[in-house]
Amino acid sequence: RSTAAEEARADLRRALAAGEPVGDDVVDRLVLPLVEKAVPEWR
């Protein structure tokens, strides 16, 4: 597990549960590192 990803995922869930907009910072922290690591693995 990635601690940073788990924290970003928790922030995402909190925003959705509260009916708040999901901030770009949260999306970046959750998705960008995943893309950077996963795409070379798929290739």
PDB file of all heavy atoms in Angstrom:
ATOM      1  N   ARG A   1       0.825  -1.200   0.000  1.00  0.00           N
ATOM      2  CA  ARG A   1       0.000   0.000   0.000  1.00  0.00           C
ATOM      3  C   ARG A   1       0.863   1.254   0.000  1.00  0.00           C
ATOM      4  O   ARG A   1       1.986   1.262   0.485  1.00  0.00           O
ATOM      5  CB  ARG A   1      -0.904   0.020   1.234  1.00  0.00           C
ATOM      6  CG  ARG A   1      -1.938  -1.098   1.271  1.00  0.00           C
ATOM      7  CD  ARG A   1      -2.939  -0.936   0.125  1.00  0.00           C
ATOM      8  NE  ARG A   1      -4.072  -1.836   0.265  1.00  0.00           N
ATOM      9  CZ  ARG A   1      -4.159  -3.045  -0.291  1.00  0.00           C
ATOM     10  NH1 ARG A   1      -3.134  -3.498  -1.001  1.00  0.00           N
ATOM     11  NH2 ARG A   1      -5.231  -3.787  -0.152  1.00  0.00           N
ATOM     12  N   SER A   2       0.299   2.335  -0.540  1.00  0.00           N
ATOM     13  CA  SER A   2       0.925   3.646  -0.513  1.00  0.00           C
ATOM     14  C   SER A   2       0.200   4.504   0.511  1.00  0.00           C
ATOM     15  O   SER A   2      -1.015   4.716   0.405  1.00  0.00           O
ATOM     16  CB  SER A   2       0.856   4.309  -1.901  1.00  0.00           C
ATOM     17  OG  SER A   2       1.080   5.693  -1.813  1.00  0.00           O
ATOM     18  N   THR A   3       0.927   4.992   1.495  1.00  0.00           N
ATOM     19  CA  THR A   3       0.318   5.841   2.521  1.00  0.00           C
ATOM     20  C   THR A   3      -0.294   7.094   1.898  1.00  0.00           C
ATOM     21  O   THR A   3      -1.407   7.506   2.252  1.00  0.00           O
ATOM     22  CB  THR A   3       1.358   6.228   3.578  1.00  0.00           C
ATOM     23  OG1 THR A   3       1.862   5.040   4.193  1.00  0.00           O
ATOM     24  CG2 THR A   3       0.736   7.115   4.646  1.00  0.00           C
ATOM     25  N   ALA A   4       0.428   7.691   0.953  1.00  0.00           N
ATOM     26  CA  ALA A   4      -0.072   8.906   0.307  1.00  0.00           C
ATOM     27  C   ALA A   4      -1.373   8.634  -0.450  1.00  0.00           C
ATOM     28  O   ALA A   4      -2.312   9.436  -0.405  1.00  0.00           O
ATOM     29  CB  ALA A   4       0.988   9.465  -0.635  1.00  0.00           C
ATOM     30  N   ALA A   5      -1.438   7.492  -1.137  1.00  0.00           N
ATOM     31  CA  ALA A   5      -2.649   7.156  -1.879  1.00  0.00           C
ATOM     32  C   ALA A   5      -3.817   6.898  -0.941  1.00  0.00           C
ATOM     33  O   ALA A   5      -4.952   7.311  -1.217  1.00  0.00           O
ATOM     34  CB  ALA A   5      -2.398   5.943  -2.770  1.00  0.00           C
ATOM     35  N   GLU A   6      -3.555   6.225   0.171  1.00  0.00           N
ATOM     36  CA  GLU A   6      -4.623   5.952   1.136  1.00  0.00           C
ATOM     37  C   GLU A   6      -5.158   7.257   1.734  1.00  0.00           C
ATOM     38  O   GLU A   6      -6.366   7.405   1.944  1.00  0.00           O
ATOM     39  CB  GLU A   6      -4.104   5.036   2.246  1.00  0.00           C
ATOM     40  CG  GLU A   6      -3.764   3.625   1.779  1.00  0.00           C
ATOM     41  CD  GLU A   6      -4.961   2.883   1.243  1.00  0.00           C
ATOM     42  OE1 GLU A   6      -6.066   3.042   1.806  1.00  0.00           O
ATOM     43  OE2 GLU A   6      -4.806   2.159   0.236  1.00  0.00           O
ATOM     44  N   GLU A   7      -4.273   8.207   2.000  1.00  0.00           N
ATOM     45  CA  GLU A   7      -4.714   9.496   2.529  1.00  0.00           C
ATOM     46  C   GLU A   7      -5.551  10.250   1.499  1.00  0.00           C
ATOM     47  O   GLU A   7      -6.581  10.847   1.840  1.00  0.00           O
ATOM     48  CB  GLU A   7      -3.498  10.323   2.946  1.00  0.00           C
ATOM     49  CG  GLU A   7      -2.763   9.766   4.160  1.00  0.00           C
ATOM     50  CD  GLU A   7      -1.494  10.530   4.468  1.00  0.00           C
ATOM     51  OE1 GLU A   7      -1.087  11.373   3.616  1.00  0.00           O
ATOM     52  OE2 GLU A   7      -0.898  10.304   5.543  1.00  0.00           O
ATOM     53  N   ALA A   8      -5.109  10.219   0.241  1.00  0.00           N
ATOM     54  CA  ALA A   8      -5.876  10.901  -0.812  1.00  0.00           C
ATOM     55  C   ALA A   8      -7.232  10.240  -1.003  1.00  0.00           C
ATOM     56  O   ALA A   8      -8.255  10.922  -1.193  1.00  0.00           O
ATOM     57  CB  ALA A   8      -5.082  10.891  -2.119  1.00  0.00           C
ATOM     58  N   ARG A   9      -7.276   8.909  -0.929  1.00  0.00           N
ATOM     59  CA  ARG A   9      -8.548   8.195  -1.074  1.00  0.00           C
ATOM     60  C   ARG A   9      -9.505   8.547   0.068  1.00  0.00           C
ATOM     61  O   ARG A   9     -10.715   8.716  -0.145  1.00  0.00           O
ATOM     62  CB  ARG A   9      -8.293   6.691  -1.129  1.00  0.00           C
ATOM     63  CG  ARG A   9      -9.526   5.864  -1.472  1.00  0.00           C
ATOM     64  CD  ARG A   9      -9.171   4.403  -1.722  1.00  0.00           C
ATOM     65  NE  ARG A   9      -8.404   4.252  -2.953  1.00  0.00           N
ATOM     66  CZ  ARG A   9      -7.118   3.943  -3.001  1.00  0.00           C
ATOM     67  NH1 ARG A   9      -6.420   3.762  -1.878  1.00  0.00           N
ATOM     68  NH2 ARG A   9      -6.496   3.823  -4.152  1.00  0.00           N
ATOM     69  N   ALA A  10      -8.965   8.675   1.253  1.00  0.00           N
ATOM     70  CA  ALA A  10      -9.800   9.069   2.399  1.00  0.00           C
ATOM     71  C   ALA A  10     -10.350  10.476   2.212  1.00  0.00           C
ATOM     72  O   ALA A  10     -11.516  10.752   2.530  1.00  0.00           O
ATOM     73  CB  ALA A  10      -8.985   8.973   3.687  1.00  0.00           C
ATOM     74  N   ASP A  11      -9.525  11.389   1.694  1.00  0.00           N
ATOM     75  CA  ASP A  11      -9.990  12.756   1.427  1.00  0.00           C
ATOM     76  C   ASP A  11     -11.087  12.754   0.362  1.00  0.00           C
ATOM     77  O   ASP A  11     -12.066  13.525   0.460  1.00  0.00           O
ATOM     78  CB  ASP A  11      -8.817  13.629   0.971  1.00  0.00           C
ATOM     79  CG  ASP A  11      -7.829  13.911   2.092  1.00  0.00           C
ATOM     80  OD1 ASP A  11      -8.204  13.763   3.271  1.00  0.00           O
ATOM     81  OD2 ASP A  11      -6.669  14.287   1.788  1.00  0.00           O
ATOM     82  N   LEU A  12     -10.942  11.908  -0.650  1.00  0.00           N
ATOM     83  CA  LEU A  12     -11.957  11.796  -1.690  1.00  0.00           C
ATOM     84  C   LEU A  12     -13.285  11.314  -1.100  1.00  0.00           C
ATOM     85  O   LEU A  12     -14.351  11.887  -1.374  1.00  0.00           O
ATOM     86  CB  LEU A  12     -11.477  10.829  -2.779  1.00  0.00           C
ATOM     87  CG  LEU A  12     -12.485  10.455  -3.870  1.00  0.00           C
ATOM     88  CD1 LEU A  12     -12.810  11.670  -4.733  1.00  0.00           C
ATOM     89  CD2 LEU A  12     -11.966   9.319  -4.730  1.00  0.00           C
ATOM     90  N   ARG A  13     -13.218  10.289  -0.272  1.00  0.00           N
ATOM     91  CA  ARG A  13     -14.438   9.744   0.328  1.00  0.00           C
ATOM     92  C   ARG A  13     -15.108  10.759   1.241  1.00  0.00           C
ATOM     93  O   ARG A  13     -16.345  10.845   1.280  1.00  0.00           O
ATOM     94  CB  ARG A  13     -14.105   8.464   1.088  1.00  0.00           C
ATOM     95  CG  ARG A  13     -13.751   7.290   0.172  1.00  0.00           C
ATOM     96  CD  ARG A  13     -13.196   6.125   0.947  1.00  0.00           C
ATOM     97  NE  ARG A  13     -12.928   4.983   0.084  1.00  0.00           N
ATOM     98  CZ  ARG A  13     -12.140   3.967   0.416  1.00  0.00           C
ATOM     99  NH1 ARG A  13     -11.551   3.949   1.613  1.00  0.00           N
ATOM    100  NH2 ARG A  13     -11.954   2.964  -0.424  1.00  0.00           N
ATOM    101  N   ARG A  14     -14.325  11.514   1.978  1.00  0.00           N
ATOM    102  CA  ARG A  14     -14.900  12.531   2.860  1.00  0.00           C
ATOM    103  C   ARG A  14     -15.645  13.582   2.052  1.00  0.00           C
ATOM    104  O   ARG A  14     -16.748  14.012   2.427  1.00  0.00           O
ATOM    105  CB  ARG A  14     -13.800  13.173   3.705  1.00  0.00           C
ATOM    106  CG  ARG A  14     -13.451  12.386   4.968  1.00  0.00           C
ATOM    107  CD  ARG A  14     -12.611  13.220   5.909  1.00  0.00           C
ATOM    108  NE  ARG A  14     -11.279  13.487   5.365  1.00  0.00           N
ATOM    109  CZ  ARG A  14     -10.223  12.701   5.568  1.00  0.00           C
ATOM    110  NH1 ARG A  14     -10.339  11.602   6.305  1.00  0.00           N
ATOM    111  NH2 ARG A  14      -9.058  13.007   5.059  1.00  0.00           N
ATOM    112  N   ALA A  15     -15.039  14.024   0.939  1.00  0.00           N
ATOM    113  CA  ALA A  15     -15.686  15.033   0.105  1.00  0.00           C
ATOM    114  C   ALA A  15     -16.987  14.504  -0.480  1.00  0.00           C
ATOM    115  O   ALA A  15     -18.013  15.199  -0.484  1.00  0.00           O
ATOM    116  CB  ALA A  15     -14.739  15.487  -1.008  1.00  0.00           C
ATOM    117  N   LEU A  16     -16.981  13.268  -0.973  1.00  0.00           N
ATOM    118  CA  LEU A  16     -18.185  12.700  -1.561  1.00  0.00           C
ATOM    119  C   LEU A  16     -19.277  12.518  -0.504  1.00  0.00           C
ATOM    120  O   LEU A  16     -20.459  12.801  -0.754  1.00  0.00           O
ATOM    121  CB  LEU A  16     -17.857  11.360  -2.219  1.00  0.00           C
ATOM    122  CG  LEU A  16     -16.977  11.415  -3.477  1.00  0.00           C
ATOM    123  CD1 LEU A  16     -16.636  10.012  -3.944  1.00  0.00           C
ATOM    124  CD2 LEU A  16     -17.662  12.203  -4.586  1.00  0.00           C
ATOM    125  N   ALA A  17     -18.880  12.047   0.678  1.00  0.00           N
ATOM    126  CA  ALA A  17     -19.859  11.842   1.749  1.00  0.00           C
ATOM    127  C   ALA A  17     -20.505  13.144   2.191  1.00  0.00           C
ATOM    128  O   ALA A  17     -21.691  13.183   2.569  1.00  0.00           O
ATOM    129  CB  ALA A  17     -19.194  11.159   2.937  1.00  0.00           C
ATOM    130  N   ALA A  18     -19.727  14.242   2.135  1.00  0.00           N
ATOM    131  CA  ALA A  18     -20.235  15.545   2.551  1.00  0.00           C
ATOM    132  C   ALA A  18     -20.944  16.276   1.422  1.00  0.00           C
ATOM    133  O   ALA A  18     -21.469  17.377   1.634  1.00  0.00           O
ATOM    134  CB  ALA A  18     -19.087  16.407   3.085  1.00  0.00           C
ATOM    135  N   GLY A  19     -20.955  15.691   0.230  1.00  0.00           N
ATOM    136  CA  GLY A  19     -21.566  16.356  -0.913  1.00  0.00           C
ATOM    137  C   GLY A  19     -20.783  17.552  -1.392  1.00  0.00           C
ATOM    138  O   GLY A  19     -21.346  18.457  -2.020  1.00  0.00           O
ATOM    139  N   GLU A  20     -19.474  17.552  -1.134  1.00  0.00           N
ATOM    140  CA  GLU A  20     -18.615  18.668  -1.514  1.00  0.00           C
ATOM    141  C   GLU A  20     -17.883  18.367  -2.822  1.00  0.00           C
ATOM    142  O   GLU A  20     -17.674  17.195  -3.165  1.00  0.00           O
ATOM    143  CB  GLU A  20     -17.591  18.947  -0.410  1.00  0.00           C
ATOM    144  CG  GLU A  20     -18.216  19.311   0.934  1.00  0.00           C
ATOM    145  CD  GLU A  20     -17.175  19.390   2.043  1.00  0.00           C
ATOM    146  OE1 GLU A  20     -16.019  18.980   1.783  1.00  0.00           O
ATOM    147  OE2 GLU A  20     -17.530  19.820   3.149  1.00  0.00           O
ATOM    148  N   PRO A  21     -17.472  19.413  -3.547  1.00  0.00           N
ATOM    149  CA  PRO A  21     -16.657  19.175  -4.749  1.00  0.00           C
ATOM    150  C   PRO A  21     -15.343  18.503  -4.375  1.00  0.00           C
ATOM    151  O   PRO A  21     -14.761  18.788  -3.319  1.00  0.00           O
ATOM    152  CB  PRO A  21     -16.432  20.595  -5.299  1.00  0.00           C
ATOM    153  CG  PRO A  21     -17.489  21.445  -4.677  1.00  0.00           C
ATOM    154  CD  PRO A  21     -17.767  20.846  -3.330  1.00  0.00           C
ATOM    155  N   VAL A  22     -14.886  17.610  -5.235  1.00  0.00           N
ATOM    156  CA  VAL A  22     -13.599  16.957  -5.025  1.00  0.00           C
ATOM    157  C   VAL A  22     -12.512  17.848  -5.614  1.00  0.00           C
ATOM    158  O   VAL A  22     -12.516  18.142  -6.806  1.00  0.00           O
ATOM    159  CB  VAL A  22     -13.565  15.566  -5.683  1.00  0.00           C
ATOM    160  CG1 VAL A  22     -12.187  14.932  -5.506  1.00  0.00           C
ATOM    161  CG2 VAL A  22     -14.655  14.679  -5.094  1.00  0.00           C
ATOM    162  N   GLY A  23     -11.591  18.293  -4.782  1.00  0.00           N
ATOM    163  CA  GLY A  23     -10.562  19.224  -5.229  1.00  0.00           C
ATOM    164  C   GLY A  23      -9.561  18.601  -6.176  1.00  0.00           C
ATOM    165  O   GLY A  23      -9.272  17.397  -6.108  1.00  0.00           O
ATOM    166  N   ASP A  24      -9.025  19.425  -7.079  1.00  0.00           N
ATOM    167  CA  ASP A  24      -8.025  18.944  -8.028  1.00  0.00           C
ATOM    168  C   ASP A  24      -6.812  18.357  -7.312  1.00  0.00           C
ATOM    169  O   ASP A  24      -6.212  17.390  -7.792  1.00  0.00           O
ATOM    170  CB  ASP A  24      -7.573  20.089  -8.944  1.00  0.00           C
ATOM    171  CG  ASP A  24      -8.659  20.510  -9.924  1.00  0.00           C
ATOM    172  OD1 ASP A  24      -9.647  19.754 -10.081  1.00  0.00           O
ATOM    173  OD2 ASP A  24      -8.530  21.589 -10.526  1.00  0.00           O
ATOM    174  N   ASP A  25      -6.466  18.917  -6.175  1.00  0.00           N
ATOM    175  CA  ASP A  25      -5.306  18.419  -5.434  1.00  0.00           C
ATOM    176  C   ASP A  25      -5.523  16.975  -4.987  1.00  0.00           C
ATOM    177  O   ASP A  25      -4.608  16.148  -5.061  1.00  0.00           O
ATOM    178  CB  ASP A  25      -5.029  19.302  -4.223  1.00  0.00           C
ATOM    179  CG  ASP A  25      -3.932  18.732  -3.333  1.00  0.00           C
ATOM    180  OD1 ASP A  25      -2.766  18.677  -3.781  1.00  0.00           O
ATOM    181  OD2 ASP A  25      -4.252  18.325  -2.199  1.00  0.00           O
ATOM    182  N   VAL A  26      -6.742  16.678  -4.537  1.00  0.00           N
ATOM    183  CA  VAL A  26      -7.049  15.314  -4.099  1.00  0.00           C
ATOM    184  C   VAL A  26      -6.938  14.347  -5.277  1.00  0.00           C
ATOM    185  O   VAL A  26      -6.342  13.269  -5.171  1.00  0.00           O
ATOM    186  CB  VAL A  26      -8.461  15.249  -3.477  1.00  0.00           C
ATOM    187  CG1 VAL A  26      -8.850  13.805  -3.169  1.00  0.00           C
ATOM    188  CG2 VAL A  26      -8.523  16.107  -2.231  1.00  0.00           C
ATOM    189  N   VAL A  27      -7.516  14.720  -6.411  1.00  0.00           N
ATOM    190  CA  VAL A  27      -7.473  13.864  -7.597  1.00  0.00           C
ATOM    191  C   VAL A  27      -6.028  13.658  -8.054  1.00  0.00           C
ATOM    192  O   VAL A  27      -5.618  12.533  -8.380  1.00  0.00           O
ATOM    193  CB  VAL A  27      -8.322  14.469  -8.734  1.00  0.00           C
ATOM    194  CG1 VAL A  27      -8.200  13.624  -9.999  1.00  0.00           C
ATOM    195  CG2 VAL A  27      -9.777  14.585  -8.299  1.00  0.00           C
ATOM    196  N   ASP A  28      -5.249  14.721  -8.069  1.00  0.00           N
ATOM    197  CA  ASP A  28      -3.856  14.605  -8.485  1.00  0.00           C
ATOM    198  C   ASP A  28      -3.081  13.652  -7.576  1.00  0.00           C
ATOM    199  O   ASP A  28      -2.320  12.786  -8.052  1.00  0.00           O
ATOM    200  CB  ASP A  28      -3.168  15.975  -8.473  1.00  0.00           C
ATOM    201  CG  ASP A  28      -3.638  16.886  -9.602  1.00  0.00           C
ATOM    202  OD1 ASP A  28      -4.400  16.410 -10.474  1.00  0.00           O
ATOM    203  OD2 ASP A  28      -3.259  18.071  -9.603  1.00  0.00           O
ATOM    204  N   ARG A  29      -3.270  13.798  -6.273  1.00  0.00           N
ATOM    205  CA  ARG A  29      -2.526  12.963  -5.330  1.00  0.00           C
ATOM    206  C   ARG A  29      -2.921  11.495  -5.422  1.00  0.00           C
ATOM    207  O   ARG A  29      -2.093  10.603  -5.197  1.00  0.00           O
ATOM    208  CB  ARG A  29      -2.751  13.469  -3.896  1.00  0.00           C
ATOM    209  CG  ARG A  29      -2.053  14.774  -3.581  1.00  0.00           C
ATOM    210  CD  ARG A  29      -2.126  15.111  -2.095  1.00  0.00           C
ATOM    211  NE  ARG A  29      -3.457  15.516  -1.679  1.00  0.00           N
ATOM    212  CZ  ARG A  29      -4.191  14.870  -0.789  1.00  0.00           C
ATOM    213  NH1 ARG A  29      -3.725  13.751  -0.211  1.00  0.00           N
ATOM    214  NH2 ARG A  29      -5.390  15.321  -0.439  1.00  0.00           N
ATOM    215  N   LEU A  30      -4.180  11.245  -5.769  1.00  0.00           N
ATOM    216  CA  LEU A  30      -4.657   9.875  -5.850  1.00  0.00           C
ATOM    217  C   LEU A  30      -4.317   9.222  -7.189  1.00  0.00           C
ATOM    218  O   LEU A  30      -3.888   8.065  -7.234  1.00  0.00           O
ATOM    219  CB  LEU A  30      -6.176   9.848  -5.640  1.00  0.00           C
ATOM    220  CG  LEU A  30      -6.851   8.471  -5.725  1.00  0.00           C
ATOM    221  CD1 LEU A  30      -6.308   7.540  -4.658  1.00  0.00           C
ATOM    222  CD2 LEU A  30      -8.364   8.621  -5.613  1.00  0.00           C
ATOM    223  N   VAL A  31      -4.504   9.949  -8.289  1.00  0.00           N
ATOM    224  CA  VAL A  31      -4.473   9.329  -9.614  1.00  0.00           C
ATOM    225  C   VAL A  31      -3.114   9.408 -10.298  1.00  0.00           C
ATOM    226  O   VAL A  31      -2.656   8.429 -10.911  1.00  0.00           O
ATOM    227  CB  VAL A  31      -5.566   9.946 -10.513  1.00  0.00           C
ATOM    228  CG1 VAL A  31      -5.521   9.336 -11.913  1.00  0.00           C
ATOM    229  CG2 VAL A  31      -6.943   9.752  -9.892  1.00  0.00           C
ATOM    230  N   LEU A  32      -2.453  10.561 -10.227  1.00  0.00           N
ATOM    231  CA  LEU A  32      -1.209  10.719 -10.981  1.00  0.00           C
ATOM    232  C   LEU A  32      -0.137   9.698 -10.602  1.00  0.00           C
ATOM    233  O   LEU A  32       0.481   9.086 -11.497  1.00  0.00           O
ATOM    234  CB  LEU A  32      -0.678  12.143 -10.839  1.00  0.00           C
ATOM    235  CG  LEU A  32      -1.486  13.226 -11.572  1.00  0.00           C
ATOM    236  CD1 LEU A  32      -0.928  14.608 -11.269  1.00  0.00           C
ATOM    237  CD2 LEU A  32      -1.494  12.976 -13.084  1.00  0.00           C
ATOM    238  N   PRO A  33       0.141   9.456  -9.312  1.00  0.00           N
ATOM    239  CA  PRO A  33       1.147   8.433  -8.989  1.00  0.00           C
ATOM    240  C   PRO A  33       0.745   7.037  -9.470  1.00  0.00           C
ATOM    241  O   PRO A  33       1.602   6.241  -9.863  1.00  0.00           O
ATOM    242  CB  PRO A  33       1.230   8.495  -7.458  1.00  0.00           C
ATOM    243  CG  PRO A  33       0.749   9.866  -7.096  1.00  0.00           C
ATOM    244  CD  PRO A  33      -0.331  10.161  -8.099  1.00  0.00           C
ATOM    245  N   LEU A  34      -0.557   6.750  -9.433  1.00  0.00           N
ATOM    246  CA  LEU A  34      -1.033   5.461  -9.921  1.00  0.00           C
ATOM    247  C   LEU A  34      -0.759   5.306 -11.405  1.00  0.00           C
ATOM    248  O   LEU A  34      -0.267   4.260 -11.866  1.00  0.00           O
ATOM    249  CB  LEU A  34      -2.530   5.332  -9.642  1.00  0.00           C
ATOM    250  CG  LEU A  34      -3.210   4.070 -10.175  1.00  0.00           C
ATOM    251  CD1 LEU A  34      -2.655   2.827  -9.499  1.00  0.00           C
ATOM    252  CD2 LEU A  34      -4.725   4.160  -9.977  1.00  0.00           C
ATOM    253  N   VAL A  35      -1.052   6.331 -12.185  1.00  0.00           N
ATOM    254  CA  VAL A  35      -0.812   6.293 -13.627  1.00  0.00           C
ATOM    255  C   VAL A  35       0.680   6.127 -13.918  1.00  0.00           C
ATOM    256  O   VAL A  35       1.082   5.310 -14.767  1.00  0.00           O
ATOM    257  CB  VAL A  35      -1.363   7.566 -14.303  1.00  0.00           C
ATOM    258  CG1 VAL A  35      -0.928   7.638 -15.762  1.00  0.00           C
ATOM    259  CG2 VAL A  35      -2.890   7.606 -14.204  1.00  0.00           C
ATOM    260  N   GLU A  36       1.509   6.885 -13.201  1.00  0.00           N
ATOM    261  CA  GLU A  36       2.956   6.837 -13.446  1.00  0.00           C
ATOM    262  C   GLU A  36       3.525   5.442 -13.194  1.00  0.00           C
ATOM    263  O   GLU A  36       4.459   5.009 -13.873  1.00  0.00           O
ATOM    264  CB  GLU A  36       3.666   7.857 -12.555  1.00  0.00           C
ATOM    265  CG  GLU A  36       3.355   9.308 -12.868  1.00  0.00           C
ATOM    266  CD  GLU A  36       3.873   9.736 -14.237  1.00  0.00           C
ATOM    267  OE1 GLU A  36       4.813   9.089 -14.758  1.00  0.00           O
ATOM    268  OE2 GLU A  36       3.334  10.713 -14.797  1.00  0.00           O
ATOM    269  N   LYS A  37       2.960   4.722 -12.241  1.00  0.00           N
ATOM    270  CA  LYS A  37       3.477   3.389 -11.926  1.00  0.00           C
ATOM    271  C   LYS A  37       2.798   2.300 -12.739  1.00  0.00           C
ATOM    272  O   LYS A  37       3.436   1.340 -13.186  1.00  0.00           O
ATOM    273  CB  LYS A  37       3.298   3.098 -10.435  1.00  0.00           C
ATOM    274  CG  LYS A  37       4.019   1.834  -9.987  1.00  0.00           C
ATOM    275  CD  LYS A  37       4.095   1.734  -8.483  1.00  0.00           C
ATOM    276  CE  LYS A  37       4.931   0.518  -8.062  1.00  0.00           C
ATOM    277  NZ  LYS A  37       5.054   0.411  -6.589  1.00  0.00           N
ATOM    278  N   ALA A  38       1.491   2.418 -12.938  1.00  0.00           N
ATOM    279  CA  ALA A  38       0.743   1.344 -13.585  1.00  0.00           C
ATOM    280  C   ALA A  38       1.013   1.239 -15.078  1.00  0.00           C
ATOM    281  O   ALA A  38       1.088   0.125 -15.620  1.00  0.00           O
ATOM    282  CB  ALA A  38      -0.759   1.538 -13.353  1.00  0.00           C
ATOM    283  N   VAL A  39       1.156   2.357 -15.772  1.00  0.00           N
ATOM    284  CA  VAL A  39       1.297   2.309 -17.229  1.00  0.00           C
ATOM    285  C   VAL A  39       2.561   1.554 -17.652  1.00  0.00           C
ATOM    286  O   VAL A  39       2.491   0.694 -18.546  1.00  0.00           O
ATOM    287  CB  VAL A  39       1.233   3.721 -17.827  1.00  0.00           C
ATOM    288  CG1 VAL A  39       1.687   3.718 -19.291  1.00  0.00           C
ATOM    289  CG2 VAL A  39      -0.196   4.257 -17.721  1.00  0.00           C
ATOM    290  N   PRO A  40       3.729   1.805 -17.057  1.00  0.00           N
ATOM    291  CA  PRO A  40       4.890   0.981 -17.421  1.00  0.00           C
ATOM    292  C   PRO A  40       4.675  -0.505 -17.145  1.00  0.00           C
ATOM    293  O   PRO A  40       5.204  -1.360 -17.874  1.00  0.00           O
ATOM    294  CB  PRO A  40       6.013   1.556 -16.553  1.00  0.00           C
ATOM    295  CG  PRO A  40       5.602   2.961 -16.289  1.00  0.00           C
ATOM    296  CD  PRO A  40       4.107   2.897 -16.147  1.00  0.00           C
ATOM    297  N   GLU A  41       3.900  -0.836 -16.115  1.00  0.00           N
ATOM    298  CA  GLU A  41       3.629  -2.245 -15.821  1.00  0.00           C
ATOM    299  C   GLU A  41       2.743  -2.869 -16.889  1.00  0.00           C
ATOM    300  O   GLU A  41       2.962  -4.019 -17.301  1.00  0.00           O
ATOM    301  CB  GLU A  41       3.002  -2.374 -14.438  1.00  0.00           C
ATOM    302  CG  GLU A  41       3.961  -1.981 -13.320  1.00  0.00           C
ATOM    303  CD  GLU A  41       3.345  -2.012 -11.936  1.00  0.00           C
ATOM    304  OE1 GLU A  41       2.106  -2.158 -11.833  1.00  0.00           O
ATOM    305  OE2 GLU A  41       4.100  -1.883 -10.953  1.00  0.00           O
ATOM    306  N   TRP A  42       1.743  -2.136 -17.351  1.00  0.00           N
ATOM    307  CA  TRP A  42       0.917  -2.640 -18.447  1.00  0.00           C
ATOM    308  C   TRP A  42       1.752  -2.835 -19.716  1.00  0.00           C
ATOM    309  O   TRP A  42       1.570  -3.820 -20.450  1.00  0.00           O
ATOM    310  CB  TRP A  42      -0.222  -1.670 -18.738  1.00  0.00           C
ATOM    311  CG  TRP A  42      -1.424  -1.813 -17.862  1.00  0.00           C
ATOM    312  CD1 TRP A  42      -1.842  -0.959 -16.883  1.00  0.00           C
ATOM    313  CD2 TRP A  42      -2.391  -2.869 -17.881  1.00  0.00           C
ATOM    314  NE1 TRP A  42      -3.003  -1.411 -16.292  1.00  0.00           N
ATOM    315  CE2 TRP A  42      -3.364  -2.584 -16.893  1.00  0.00           C
ATOM    316  CE3 TRP A  42      -2.534  -4.031 -18.647  1.00  0.00           C
ATOM    317  CZ2 TRP A  42      -4.450  -3.418 -16.659  1.00  0.00           C
ATOM    318  CZ3 TRP A  42      -3.616  -4.864 -18.410  1.00  0.00           C
ATOM    319  CH2 TRP A  42      -4.553  -4.555 -17.422  1.00  0.00           C
ATOM    320  N   ARG A  43       2.664  -1.922 -19.979  1.00  0.00           N
ATOM    321  CA  ARG A  43       3.508  -2.050 -21.167  1.00  0.00           C
ATOM    322  C   ARG A  43       4.455  -3.246 -21.040  1.00  0.00           C
ATOM    323  O   ARG A  43       4.710  -3.957 -22.022  1.00  0.00           O
ATOM    324  CB  ARG A  43       4.290  -0.759 -21.395  1.00  0.00           C
ATOM    325  CG  ARG A  43       3.396   0.460 -21.586  1.00  0.00           C
ATOM    326  CD  ARG A  43       4.179   1.691 -21.983  1.00  0.00           C
ATOM    327  NE  ARG A  43       4.593   1.626 -23.376  1.00  0.00           N
ATOM    328  CZ  ARG A  43       5.386   2.507 -23.972  1.00  0.00           C
ATOM    329  NH1 ARG A  43       5.866   3.525 -23.270  1.00  0.00           N
ATOM    330  NH2 ARG A  43       5.703   2.389 -25.234  1.00  0.00           N
TER     331      ARG A  43
END
